PDB file of all heavy atoms in Angstrom:
ATOM      1  N   ARG A   1       4.723  34.441 -44.915  1.00  0.00           N
ATOM      2  CA  ARG A   1       3.723  34.314 -43.790  1.00  0.00           C
ATOM      3  C   ARG A   1       4.183  35.110 -42.567  1.00  0.00           C
ATOM      4  O   ARG A   1       3.344  35.760 -41.938  1.00  0.00           O
ATOM      5  CB  ARG A   1       3.549  32.855 -43.470  1.00  0.00           C
ATOM      6  CG  ARG A   1       2.777  32.073 -44.516  1.00  0.00           C
ATOM      7  CD  ARG A   1       2.313  30.677 -44.020  1.00  0.00           C
ATOM      8  NE  ARG A   1       3.403  29.778 -43.822  1.00  0.00           N
ATOM      9  CZ  ARG A   1       3.930  28.996 -44.793  1.00  0.00           C
ATOM     10  NH1 ARG A   1       3.481  29.088 -46.017  1.00  0.00           N
ATOM     11  NH2 ARG A   1       4.924  28.125 -44.511  1.00  0.00           N
ATOM     12  N   ARG A   2       5.471  35.062 -42.287  1.00  0.00           N
ATOM     13  CA  ARG A   2       6.002  35.879 -41.156  1.00  0.00           C
ATOM     14  C   ARG A   2       5.780  37.363 -41.442  1.00  0.00           C
ATOM     15  O   ARG A   2       5.410  38.164 -40.562  1.00  0.00           O
ATOM     16  CB  ARG A   2       7.464  35.558 -40.952  1.00  0.00           C
ATOM     17  CG  ARG A   2       7.752  34.257 -40.278  1.00  0.00           C
ATOM     18  CD  ARG A   2       9.187  34.181 -39.737  1.00  0.00           C
ATOM     19  NE  ARG A   2      10.158  34.277 -40.836  1.00  0.00           N
ATOM     20  CZ  ARG A   2      10.668  33.243 -41.432  1.00  0.00           C
ATOM     21  NH1 ARG A   2      10.243  32.013 -41.122  1.00  0.00           N
ATOM     22  NH2 ARG A   2      11.597  33.389 -42.392  1.00  0.00           N
ATOM     23  N   ALA A   3       6.024  37.750 -42.713  1.00  0.00           N
ATOM     24  CA  ALA A   3       5.844  39.188 -43.097  1.00  0.00           C
ATOM     25  C   ALA A   3       4.379  39.614 -42.896  1.00  0.00           C
ATOM     26  O   ALA A   3       4.128  40.736 -42.447  1.00  0.00           O
ATOM     27  CB  ALA A   3       6.258  39.379 -44.533  1.00  0.00           C
ATOM     28  N   ALA A   4       3.432  38.712 -43.240  1.00  0.00           N
ATOM     29  CA  ALA A   4       2.019  39.045 -43.074  1.00  0.00           C
ATOM     30  C   ALA A   4       1.666  39.303 -41.610  1.00  0.00           C
ATOM     31  O   ALA A   4       0.964  40.239 -41.265  1.00  0.00           O
ATOM     32  CB  ALA A   4       1.146  37.908 -43.663  1.00  0.00           C
ATOM     33  N   PHE A   5       2.162  38.461 -40.737  1.00  0.00           N
ATOM     34  CA  PHE A   5       1.910  38.605 -39.318  1.00  0.00           C
ATOM     35  C   PHE A   5       2.544  39.928 -38.794  1.00  0.00           C
ATOM     36  O   PHE A   5       1.948  40.622 -37.956  1.00  0.00           O
ATOM     37  CB  PHE A   5       2.435  37.411 -38.524  1.00  0.00           C
ATOM     38  CG  PHE A   5       1.571  36.185 -38.648  1.00  0.00           C
ATOM     39  CD1 PHE A   5       2.141  34.970 -39.092  1.00  0.00           C
ATOM     40  CD2 PHE A   5       0.252  36.181 -38.328  1.00  0.00           C
ATOM     41  CE1 PHE A   5       1.345  33.829 -39.241  1.00  0.00           C
ATOM     42  CE2 PHE A   5      -0.531  35.064 -38.437  1.00  0.00           C
ATOM     43  CZ  PHE A   5       0.043  33.874 -38.858  1.00  0.00           C
ATOM     44  N   GLU A   6       3.762  40.218 -39.256  1.00  0.00           N
ATOM     45  CA  GLU A   6       4.396  41.451 -38.848  1.00  0.00           C
ATOM     46  C   GLU A   6       3.592  42.692 -39.266  1.00  0.00           C
ATOM     47  O   GLU A   6       3.475  43.654 -38.508  1.00  0.00           O
ATOM     48  CB  GLU A   6       5.804  41.572 -39.393  1.00  0.00           C
ATOM     49  CG  GLU A   6       6.802  40.598 -38.736  1.00  0.00           C
ATOM     50  CD  GLU A   6       6.933  40.855 -37.242  1.00  0.00           C
ATOM     51  OE1 GLU A   6       6.978  42.027 -36.859  1.00  0.00           O
ATOM     52  OE2 GLU A   6       6.998  39.852 -36.507  1.00  0.00           O
ATOM     53  N   GLU A   7       2.999  42.614 -40.477  1.00  0.00           N
ATOM     54  CA  GLU A   7       2.179  43.730 -40.946  1.00  0.00           C
ATOM     55  C   GLU A   7       0.955  43.896 -40.056  1.00  0.00           C
ATOM     56  O   GLU A   7       0.566  45.031 -39.744  1.00  0.00           O
ATOM     57  CB  GLU A   7       1.764  43.471 -42.389  1.00  0.00           C
ATOM     58  CG  GLU A   7       2.850  43.745 -43.426  1.00  0.00           C
ATOM     59  CD  GLU A   7       3.260  45.213 -43.453  1.00  0.00           C
ATOM     60  OE1 GLU A   7       2.410  46.100 -43.403  1.00  0.00           O
ATOM     61  OE2 GLU A   7       4.502  45.468 -43.413  1.00  0.00           O
ATOM     62  N   GLU A   8       0.344  42.780 -39.665  1.00  0.00           N
ATOM     63  CA  GLU A   8      -0.847  42.855 -38.851  1.00  0.00           C
ATOM     64  C   GLU A   8      -0.505  43.354 -37.442  1.00  0.00           C
ATOM     65  O   GLU A   8      -1.283  44.082 -36.806  1.00  0.00           O
ATOM     66  CB  GLU A   8      -1.563  41.477 -38.754  1.00  0.00           C
ATOM     67  CG  GLU A   8      -2.421  41.194 -39.957  1.00  0.00           C
ATOM     68  CD  GLU A   8      -3.393  42.321 -40.274  1.00  0.00           C
ATOM     69  OE1 GLU A   8      -4.061  42.830 -39.372  1.00  0.00           O
ATOM     70  OE2 GLU A   8      -3.464  42.702 -41.452  1.00  0.00           O
ATOM     71  N   LYS A   9       0.655  42.972 -36.961  1.00  0.00           N
ATOM     72  CA  LYS A   9       1.074  43.429 -35.599  1.00  0.00           C
ATOM     73  C   LYS A   9       1.188  44.929 -35.569  1.00  0.00           C
ATOM     74  O   LYS A   9       0.870  45.588 -34.602  1.00  0.00           O
ATOM     75  CB  LYS A   9       2.415  42.763 -35.221  1.00  0.00           C
ATOM     76  CG  LYS A   9       2.296  41.353 -34.721  1.00  0.00           C
ATOM     77  CD  LYS A   9       3.659  40.732 -34.506  1.00  0.00           C
ATOM     78  CE  LYS A   9       4.428  41.475 -33.439  1.00  0.00           C
ATOM     79  NZ  LYS A   9       5.787  40.852 -33.226  1.00  0.00           N
ATOM     80  N   LYS A  10       1.683  45.520 -36.695  1.00  0.00           N
ATOM     81  CA  LYS A  10       1.855  46.991 -36.735  1.00  0.00           C
ATOM     82  C   LYS A  10       0.528  47.724 -36.645  1.00  0.00           C
ATOM     83  O   LYS A  10       0.466  48.864 -36.168  1.00  0.00           O
ATOM     84  CB  LYS A  10       2.527  47.384 -38.061  1.00  0.00           C
ATOM     85  CG  LYS A  10       3.992  46.925 -38.171  1.00  0.00           C
ATOM     86  CD  LYS A  10       4.580  47.256 -39.549  1.00  0.00           C
ATOM     87  CE  LYS A  10       5.962  46.713 -39.717  1.00  0.00           C
ATOM     88  NZ  LYS A  10       6.469  46.965 -41.097  1.00  0.00           N
ATOM     89  N   LYS A  11      -0.548  47.050 -37.120  1.00  0.00           N
ATOM     90  CA  LYS A  11      -1.872  47.673 -37.111  1.00  0.00           C
ATOM     91  C   LYS A  11      -2.526  47.592 -35.749  1.00  0.00           C
ATOM     92  O   LYS A  11      -3.492  48.328 -35.483  1.00  0.00           O
ATOM     93  CB  LYS A  11      -2.792  47.017 -38.129  1.00  0.00           C
ATOM     94  CG  LYS A  11      -2.288  47.131 -39.548  1.00  0.00           C
ATOM     95  CD  LYS A  11      -3.191  46.363 -40.503  1.00  0.00           C
ATOM     96  CE  LYS A  11      -2.653  46.360 -41.946  1.00  0.00           C
ATOM     97  NZ  LYS A  11      -3.505  45.554 -42.834  1.00  0.00           N
ATOM     98  N   CYS A  12      -2.015  46.699 -34.868  1.00  0.00           N
ATOM     99  CA  CYS A  12      -2.631  46.505 -33.544  1.00  0.00           C
ATOM    100  C   CYS A  12      -2.290  47.633 -32.608  1.00  0.00           C
ATOM    101  O   CYS A  12      -1.150  48.089 -32.583  1.00  0.00           O
ATOM    102  CB  CYS A  12      -2.204  45.141 -32.955  1.00  0.00           C
ATOM    103  SG  CYS A  12      -2.790  43.733 -33.853  1.00  0.00           S
ATOM    104  N   THR A  13      -3.265  48.087 -31.876  1.00  0.00           N
ATOM    105  CA  THR A  13      -3.000  49.130 -30.859  1.00  0.00           C
ATOM    106  C   THR A  13      -2.479  48.504 -29.522  1.00  0.00           C
ATOM    107  O   THR A  13      -1.993  49.228 -28.694  1.00  0.00           O
ATOM    108  CB  THR A  13      -4.284  49.907 -30.585  1.00  0.00           C
ATOM    109  OG1 THR A  13      -5.315  49.008 -30.185  1.00  0.00           O
ATOM    110  CG2 THR A  13      -4.741  50.673 -31.820  1.00  0.00           C
ATOM    111  N   SER A  14      -2.628  47.194 -29.415  1.00  0.00           N
ATOM    112  CA  SER A  14      -2.149  46.539 -28.217  1.00  0.00           C
ATOM    113  C   SER A  14      -0.608  46.487 -28.203  1.00  0.00           C
ATOM    114  O   SER A  14       0.023  46.563 -29.254  1.00  0.00           O
ATOM    115  CB  SER A  14      -2.687  45.108 -28.120  1.00  0.00           C
ATOM    116  OG  SER A  14      -4.095  45.097 -28.158  1.00  0.00           O
ATOM    117  N   SER A  15      -0.040  46.298 -27.026  1.00  0.00           N
ATOM    118  CA  SER A  15       1.410  46.174 -26.907  1.00  0.00           C
ATOM    119  C   SER A  15       1.791  44.790 -27.401  1.00  0.00           C
ATOM    120  O   SER A  15       0.980  43.879 -27.490  1.00  0.00           O
ATOM    121  CB  SER A  15       1.863  46.333 -25.436  1.00  0.00           C
ATOM    122  OG  SER A  15       1.395  45.247 -24.660  1.00  0.00           O
ATOM    123  N   ASP A  16       3.079  44.651 -27.754  1.00  0.00           N
ATOM    124  CA  ASP A  16       3.589  43.358 -28.281  1.00  0.00           C
ATOM    125  C   ASP A  16       3.370  42.213 -27.276  1.00  0.00           C
ATOM    126  O   ASP A  16       3.156  41.068 -27.676  1.00  0.00           O
ATOM    127  CB  ASP A  16       5.087  43.476 -28.600  1.00  0.00           C
ATOM    128  CG  ASP A  16       5.321  44.279 -29.865  1.00  0.00           C
ATOM    129  OD1 ASP A  16       4.348  44.558 -30.574  1.00  0.00           O
ATOM    130  OD2 ASP A  16       6.495  44.590 -30.169  1.00  0.00           O
ATOM    131  N   ASP A  17       3.390  42.555 -25.981  1.00  0.00           N
ATOM    132  CA  ASP A  17       3.204  41.497 -24.955  1.00  0.00           C
ATOM    133  C   ASP A  17       1.807  40.923 -24.975  1.00  0.00           C
ATOM    134  O   ASP A  17       1.585  39.811 -24.471  1.00  0.00           O
ATOM    135  CB  ASP A  17       3.513  42.064 -23.578  1.00  0.00           C
ATOM    136  CG  ASP A  17       4.967  42.427 -23.357  1.00  0.00           C
ATOM    137  OD1 ASP A  17       5.811  41.878 -24.149  1.00  0.00           O
ATOM    138  OD2 ASP A  17       5.265  43.229 -22.480  1.00  0.00           O
ATOM    139  N   ASP A  18       0.855  41.625 -25.557  1.00  0.00           N
ATOM    140  CA  ASP A  18      -0.558  41.177 -25.582  1.00  0.00           C
ATOM    141  C   ASP A  18      -0.964  40.548 -26.927  1.00  0.00           C
ATOM    142  O   ASP A  18      -2.110  40.215 -27.111  1.00  0.00           O
ATOM    143  CB  ASP A  18      -1.480  42.315 -25.242  1.00  0.00           C
ATOM    144  CG  ASP A  18      -1.241  42.919 -23.870  1.00  0.00           C
ATOM    145  OD1 ASP A  18      -0.851  42.118 -22.980  1.00  0.00           O
ATOM    146  OD2 ASP A  18      -1.358  44.136 -23.686  1.00  0.00           O
ATOM    147  N   ILE A  19      -0.019  40.450 -27.840  1.00  0.00           N
ATOM    148  CA  ILE A  19      -0.301  39.848 -29.175  1.00  0.00           C
ATOM    149  C   ILE A  19       0.201  38.436 -29.269  1.00  0.00           C
ATOM    150  O   ILE A  19       1.334  38.152 -28.906  1.00  0.00           O
ATOM    151  CB  ILE A  19       0.323  40.714 -30.276  1.00  0.00           C
ATOM    152  CG1 ILE A  19      -0.232  42.167 -30.269  1.00  0.00           C
ATOM    153  CG2 ILE A  19       0.071  40.086 -31.646  1.00  0.00           C
ATOM    154  CD1 ILE A  19       0.410  43.106 -31.208  1.00  0.00           C
ATOM    155  N   ARG A  20      -0.691  37.527 -29.701  1.00  0.00           N
ATOM    156  CA  ARG A  20      -0.300  36.135 -29.910  1.00  0.00           C
ATOM    157  C   ARG A  20      -0.525  35.743 -31.377  1.00  0.00           C
ATOM    158  O   ARG A  20      -1.505  36.189 -31.985  1.00  0.00           O
ATOM    159  CB  ARG A  20      -1.163  35.238 -29.022  1.00  0.00           C
ATOM    160  CG  ARG A  20      -1.035  35.500 -27.539  1.00  0.00           C
ATOM    161  CD  ARG A  20       0.314  35.070 -26.964  1.00  0.00           C
ATOM    162  NE  ARG A  20       0.410  35.373 -25.530  1.00  0.00           N
ATOM    163  CZ  ARG A  20       0.893  36.502 -25.030  1.00  0.00           C
ATOM    164  NH1 ARG A  20       1.335  37.455 -25.827  1.00  0.00           N
ATOM    165  NH2 ARG A  20       0.976  36.688 -23.739  1.00  0.00           N
ATOM    166  N   ILE A  21       0.386  34.958 -31.927  1.00  0.00           N
ATOM    167  CA  ILE A  21       0.225  34.458 -33.261  1.00  0.00           C
ATOM    168  C   ILE A  21      -0.022  32.956 -33.163  1.00  0.00           C
ATOM    169  O   ILE A  21       0.849  32.195 -32.692  1.00  0.00           O
ATOM    170  CB  ILE A  21       1.490  34.740 -34.111  1.00  0.00           C
ATOM    171  CG1 ILE A  21       1.652  36.267 -34.257  1.00  0.00           C
ATOM    172  CG2 ILE A  21       1.364  34.092 -35.495  1.00  0.00           C
ATOM    173  CD1 ILE A  21       2.931  36.657 -34.920  1.00  0.00           C
ATOM    174  N   ALA A  22      -1.227  32.508 -33.583  1.00  0.00           N
ATOM    175  CA  ALA A  22      -1.578  31.105 -33.413  1.00  0.00           C
ATOM    176  C   ALA A  22      -1.311  30.309 -34.705  1.00  0.00           C
ATOM    177  O   ALA A  22      -1.785  30.717 -35.799  1.00  0.00           O
ATOM    178  CB  ALA A  22      -3.097  30.997 -33.088  1.00  0.00           C
ATOM    179  N   LEU A  23      -0.555  29.269 -34.559  1.00  0.00           N
ATOM    180  CA  LEU A  23      -0.201  28.421 -35.681  1.00  0.00           C
ATOM    181  C   LEU A  23      -0.791  27.014 -35.448  1.00  0.00           C
ATOM    182  O   LEU A  23      -0.855  26.535 -34.302  1.00  0.00           O
ATOM    183  CB  LEU A  23       1.322  28.320 -35.835  1.00  0.00           C
ATOM    184  CG  LEU A  23       2.083  29.614 -35.961  1.00  0.00           C
ATOM    185  CD1 LEU A  23       3.592  29.380 -35.999  1.00  0.00           C
ATOM    186  CD2 LEU A  23       1.634  30.396 -37.200  1.00  0.00           C
ATOM    187  N   ALA A  24      -1.229  26.338 -36.537  1.00  0.00           N
ATOM    188  CA  ALA A  24      -2.003  25.098 -36.392  1.00  0.00           C
ATOM    189  C   ALA A  24      -1.172  23.844 -36.514  1.00  0.00           C
ATOM    190  O   ALA A  24      -1.609  22.871 -37.125  1.00  0.00           O
ATOM    191  CB  ALA A  24      -3.142  25.118 -37.449  1.00  0.00           C
TER     192      ALA A  24
END
């Protein structure tokens, strides 16, 4: 699951400071 989020982060054009990972 962590690997999946890391893959998606790489695709984002936003900086890391603007990316949030929401867990339930």
